[in-house]
Every structure is written in structure tokens, then in C-alpha cells.
N, C-alpha and C. Protein backbone atom coordinates (compact mmCIF):
# COMPACT_ATOMS: atom_id res chain seq x y z
N MET A 1 190.85 26.35 399.10
CA MET A 1 191.03 24.95 398.80
C MET A 1 190.21 24.08 399.74
N SER A 2 190.02 24.54 400.96
CA SER A 2 189.31 23.72 401.93
C SER A 2 187.84 23.53 401.57
N ILE A 3 187.26 24.46 400.83
CA ILE A 3 185.85 24.34 400.46
C ILE A 3 185.62 23.13 399.57
N THR A 4 186.57 22.83 398.70
CA THR A 4 186.41 21.70 397.78
C THR A 4 187.19 20.47 398.22
N SER A 5 187.70 20.47 399.42
CA SER A 5 188.55 19.36 399.88
C SER A 5 187.83 18.01 399.90
N GLY A 6 186.52 17.99 400.02
CA GLY A 6 185.79 16.73 400.04
C GLY A 6 185.50 16.16 398.67
N LEU A 7 185.82 16.88 397.63
CA LEU A 7 185.55 16.42 396.26
C LEU A 7 186.76 15.70 395.69
N ASP A 8 186.48 14.79 394.73
CA ASP A 8 187.62 14.13 394.09
C ASP A 8 188.31 15.11 393.15
N GLY A 9 189.53 14.79 392.76
CA GLY A 9 190.36 15.67 391.97
C GLY A 9 189.75 16.10 390.65
N THR A 10 189.02 15.20 390.00
CA THR A 10 188.39 15.52 388.72
C THR A 10 187.35 16.62 388.87
N LYS A 11 186.56 16.51 389.91
CA LYS A 11 185.53 17.53 390.16
C LYS A 11 186.15 18.86 390.57
N ARG A 12 187.18 18.80 391.38
CA ARG A 12 187.86 20.04 391.79
C ARG A 12 188.45 20.74 390.58
N LYS A 13 189.06 19.99 389.67
CA LYS A 13 189.64 20.57 388.47
C LYS A 13 188.56 21.19 387.61
N ALA A 14 187.44 20.50 387.46
CA ALA A 14 186.34 21.02 386.64
C ALA A 14 185.82 22.35 387.20
N ILE A 15 185.72 22.43 388.52
CA ILE A 15 185.26 23.67 389.14
C ILE A 15 186.25 24.81 388.89
N LEU A 16 187.53 24.56 389.10
CA LEU A 16 188.52 25.60 388.90
C LEU A 16 188.63 25.99 387.42
N ASP A 17 188.59 25.00 386.52
CA ASP A 17 188.60 25.31 385.09
C ASP A 17 187.44 26.24 384.75
N GLY A 18 186.26 25.93 385.28
CA GLY A 18 185.08 26.74 385.02
C GLY A 18 185.21 28.15 385.57
N MET A 19 185.75 28.26 386.78
CA MET A 19 185.93 29.57 387.38
C MET A 19 186.91 30.41 386.57
N LEU A 20 188.02 29.82 386.16
CA LEU A 20 189.00 30.54 385.36
C LEU A 20 188.41 30.96 384.02
N PHE A 21 187.68 30.06 383.39
CA PHE A 21 187.07 30.37 382.10
C PHE A 21 186.06 31.50 382.25
N GLU A 22 185.27 31.46 383.29
CA GLU A 22 184.23 32.46 383.54
C GLU A 22 184.81 33.87 383.71
N VAL A 23 185.99 33.97 384.26
CA VAL A 23 186.62 35.28 384.45
C VAL A 23 186.85 35.97 383.11
N PHE A 24 187.28 35.22 382.11
CA PHE A 24 187.72 35.81 380.85
C PHE A 24 186.77 35.64 379.67
N PHE A 25 185.93 34.61 379.71
CA PHE A 25 185.10 34.27 378.55
C PHE A 25 183.62 34.27 378.92
N ASN A 26 182.78 34.61 377.94
CA ASN A 26 181.33 34.59 378.17
C ASN A 26 180.77 33.19 377.91
N SER A 27 179.47 33.06 377.98
CA SER A 27 178.83 31.74 377.86
C SER A 27 178.94 31.15 376.46
N THR A 28 179.31 31.96 375.48
CA THR A 28 179.48 31.44 374.12
C THR A 28 180.95 31.21 373.79
N GLY A 29 181.84 31.38 374.78
CA GLY A 29 183.26 31.14 374.56
C GLY A 29 184.01 32.32 373.98
N LYS A 30 183.37 33.46 373.89
CA LYS A 30 184.02 34.67 373.38
C LYS A 30 184.67 35.42 374.53
N LEU A 31 185.79 36.06 374.25
CA LEU A 31 186.50 36.84 375.25
C LEU A 31 185.61 37.99 375.71
N ARG A 32 185.52 38.18 377.02
CA ARG A 32 184.72 39.27 377.58
C ARG A 32 185.36 40.61 377.25
N ASP A 33 184.53 41.64 377.11
CA ASP A 33 185.05 43.00 376.94
C ASP A 33 185.75 43.44 378.22
N ASP A 34 185.18 43.09 379.36
CA ASP A 34 185.77 43.39 380.67
C ASP A 34 185.77 42.09 381.46
N ILE A 35 186.93 41.74 382.01
CA ILE A 35 187.01 40.51 382.78
C ILE A 35 186.18 40.64 384.06
N LYS A 36 185.77 39.51 384.59
CA LYS A 36 185.12 39.48 385.90
C LYS A 36 186.23 39.48 386.94
N SER A 37 186.48 40.61 387.52
CA SER A 37 187.65 40.75 388.38
C SER A 37 187.36 40.68 389.87
N GLY A 38 186.13 40.39 390.26
CA GLY A 38 185.76 40.39 391.66
C GLY A 38 186.63 39.52 392.55
N TYR A 39 186.97 38.33 392.10
CA TYR A 39 187.80 37.41 392.87
C TYR A 39 189.08 37.06 392.12
N PHE A 40 189.49 37.92 391.21
CA PHE A 40 190.65 37.66 390.37
C PHE A 40 191.89 37.32 391.19
N ASP A 41 192.23 38.18 392.13
CA ASP A 41 193.45 37.96 392.91
C ASP A 41 193.40 36.65 393.69
N GLU A 42 192.27 36.40 394.34
CA GLU A 42 192.14 35.17 395.13
C GLU A 42 192.24 33.93 394.24
N LEU A 43 191.62 34.00 393.08
CA LEU A 43 191.64 32.88 392.16
C LEU A 43 193.04 32.60 391.65
N PHE A 44 193.77 33.64 391.27
CA PHE A 44 195.11 33.43 390.73
C PHE A 44 196.16 33.17 391.80
N GLU A 45 195.82 33.43 393.04
CA GLU A 45 196.71 33.01 394.14
C GLU A 45 196.81 31.49 394.22
N LEU A 46 195.83 30.79 393.67
CA LEU A 46 195.82 29.32 393.68
C LEU A 46 196.94 28.73 392.81
N GLN A 47 197.60 29.55 392.02
CA GLN A 47 198.72 29.06 391.21
C GLN A 47 199.84 28.50 392.06
N ARG A 48 199.87 28.85 393.32
CA ARG A 48 200.95 28.37 394.19
C ARG A 48 200.81 26.88 394.52
N TYR A 49 199.66 26.30 394.25
CA TYR A 49 199.45 24.87 394.52
C TYR A 49 199.77 24.05 393.28
N ALA A 50 200.79 23.24 393.38
CA ALA A 50 201.24 22.44 392.23
C ALA A 50 200.13 21.55 391.68
N GLU A 51 199.27 21.04 392.56
CA GLU A 51 198.21 20.13 392.12
C GLU A 51 197.14 20.83 391.27
N LEU A 52 197.17 22.15 391.21
CA LEU A 52 196.20 22.90 390.41
C LEU A 52 196.78 23.41 389.10
N LYS A 53 198.01 23.03 388.81
CA LYS A 53 198.72 23.51 387.63
C LYS A 53 197.96 23.24 386.34
N ASP A 54 197.33 22.09 386.23
CA ASP A 54 196.61 21.74 385.00
C ASP A 54 195.50 22.75 384.68
N SER A 55 194.85 23.28 385.69
CA SER A 55 193.79 24.26 385.44
C SER A 55 194.36 25.57 384.89
N PHE A 56 195.51 25.98 385.39
CA PHE A 56 196.12 27.20 384.88
C PHE A 56 196.71 26.97 383.49
N ASN A 57 197.15 25.76 383.21
CA ASN A 57 197.57 25.41 381.86
C ASN A 57 196.38 25.45 380.91
N PHE A 58 195.22 25.01 381.40
CA PHE A 58 193.99 25.03 380.62
C PHE A 58 193.65 26.46 380.16
N ILE A 59 193.67 27.41 381.08
CA ILE A 59 193.29 28.78 380.72
C ILE A 59 194.37 29.41 379.84
N ALA A 60 195.63 29.08 380.08
CA ALA A 60 196.70 29.59 379.22
C ALA A 60 196.52 29.07 377.79
N GLU A 61 196.13 27.82 377.66
CA GLU A 61 195.89 27.24 376.34
C GLU A 61 194.70 27.91 375.66
N ALA A 62 193.67 28.24 376.42
CA ALA A 62 192.52 28.95 375.85
C ALA A 62 192.96 30.29 375.27
N PHE A 63 193.87 30.99 375.95
CA PHE A 63 194.39 32.25 375.44
C PHE A 63 195.28 32.03 374.22
N ARG A 64 196.08 30.98 374.24
CA ARG A 64 196.95 30.69 373.10
C ARG A 64 196.13 30.49 371.83
N ARG A 65 194.99 29.84 371.98
CA ARG A 65 194.15 29.58 370.82
C ARG A 65 193.53 30.85 370.26
N LEU A 66 193.38 31.87 371.09
CA LEU A 66 192.81 33.14 370.64
C LEU A 66 193.82 34.04 369.95
N THR A 67 195.07 33.88 370.30
CA THR A 67 196.06 34.83 369.85
C THR A 67 196.73 34.39 368.56
N ALA A 68 197.06 35.36 367.77
CA ALA A 68 197.84 35.09 366.55
C ALA A 68 199.26 34.76 366.97
N PRO A 69 200.01 34.06 366.14
CA PRO A 69 201.39 33.70 366.50
C PRO A 69 202.26 34.89 366.89
N SER A 70 201.99 36.08 366.36
CA SER A 70 202.81 37.23 366.68
C SER A 70 202.37 37.94 367.95
N THR A 71 201.25 37.56 368.51
CA THR A 71 200.74 38.21 369.72
C THR A 71 201.24 37.48 370.95
N HIS A 72 201.78 38.21 371.90
CA HIS A 72 202.31 37.62 373.12
C HIS A 72 201.16 37.26 374.07
N CYS A 73 201.21 36.06 374.61
CA CYS A 73 200.27 35.63 375.63
C CYS A 73 201.10 35.15 376.82
N PRO A 74 200.90 35.74 377.99
CA PRO A 74 201.73 35.36 379.13
C PRO A 74 201.56 33.90 379.52
N GLU A 75 202.66 33.24 379.80
CA GLU A 75 202.62 31.85 380.26
C GLU A 75 202.07 31.77 381.67
N ARG A 76 202.39 32.75 382.47
CA ARG A 76 201.94 32.77 383.86
C ARG A 76 201.36 34.14 384.14
N VAL A 77 200.18 34.15 384.68
CA VAL A 77 199.48 35.40 384.96
C VAL A 77 199.85 35.87 386.36
N THR A 78 200.19 37.14 386.49
CA THR A 78 200.49 37.67 387.80
C THR A 78 199.20 38.13 388.47
N THR A 79 199.23 38.25 389.77
CA THR A 79 198.03 38.67 390.49
C THR A 79 198.01 40.16 390.74
N SER A 80 199.00 40.87 390.28
CA SER A 80 199.06 42.31 390.50
C SER A 80 198.17 43.03 389.49
N ARG A 81 197.16 43.70 390.00
CA ARG A 81 196.28 44.44 389.10
C ARG A 81 196.98 45.63 388.49
N SER A 82 198.00 46.14 389.17
CA SER A 82 198.70 47.30 388.61
C SER A 82 199.45 46.92 387.34
N VAL A 83 199.95 45.69 387.26
CA VAL A 83 200.65 45.23 386.07
C VAL A 83 199.66 44.89 384.97
N SER A 84 198.61 44.18 385.34
CA SER A 84 197.50 43.82 384.47
C SER A 84 197.91 43.28 383.10
N PRO A 85 198.68 42.19 383.05
CA PRO A 85 199.11 41.65 381.76
C PRO A 85 197.94 41.12 380.94
N LEU A 86 196.90 40.67 381.59
CA LEU A 86 195.77 40.13 380.84
C LEU A 86 194.99 41.21 380.12
N ARG A 87 194.87 42.36 380.75
CA ARG A 87 194.19 43.46 380.07
C ARG A 87 195.02 43.94 378.88
N LYS A 88 196.34 43.95 379.04
CA LYS A 88 197.20 44.31 377.92
C LYS A 88 197.06 43.28 376.83
N SER A 89 196.97 42.01 377.20
CA SER A 89 196.79 40.94 376.24
C SER A 89 195.47 41.12 375.51
N ARG A 90 194.42 41.48 376.23
CA ARG A 90 193.11 41.68 375.65
C ARG A 90 193.15 42.83 374.64
N MET A 91 193.88 43.88 374.98
CA MET A 91 193.98 45.01 374.07
C MET A 91 194.73 44.61 372.81
N ALA A 92 195.71 43.74 372.93
CA ALA A 92 196.48 43.29 371.77
C ALA A 92 195.62 42.43 370.85
N ILE A 93 194.68 41.69 371.44
CA ILE A 93 193.79 40.80 370.66
C ILE A 93 192.80 41.63 369.87
N ALA A 94 192.27 42.69 370.48
CA ALA A 94 191.24 43.52 369.84
C ALA A 94 191.80 44.25 368.69
């Protein structure tokens, strides 16, 4: 958070929205075959900051739009790679 502390809230949100989107989606907005997991845990640890909630709502909404009504999409993503709910979600979409 300290890296972006000098930026206004709108710019900080745009950066985080972009980072979250980049993890799961390619440049054409299609779901990646394999997520970019290099900084996955660090990125999702940011969920603990209430002021960043809108960005996590943004990525959750992006997943909701991809899934059929009968497909489960987690409201909150865990940072545990062993659980890997997003990969399970990806498998359900395919």
C-alpha cells in the first residue's frame, strides 16, 4: 500500500483493478487458461483493507458475468493456494 500512497484514491483503485484483472483475464478480456499466480497471495492479502473493497467487488463482478446462474462463483477469494477456489471455478466454467 505504501508504494501507491502518494496517488489519489481513483488512481489507486484503477491500478488495483488492473492488477486483479490481469491475474485472471487476458488483454481481450477472456479468462486465462492459467492464472498469473506470481503475486497472487500478496495481491489478495490486500482484501484486509476496507478502502480497497471496491476493487475486490470489481473482480468478483467480472467472474459473476462469466458464470452461468447454476455455477458457483466465490464471493470472497481465499489466499490459500491449497484450497484454490478460483482454479475450481475456472474448471467449472470450462
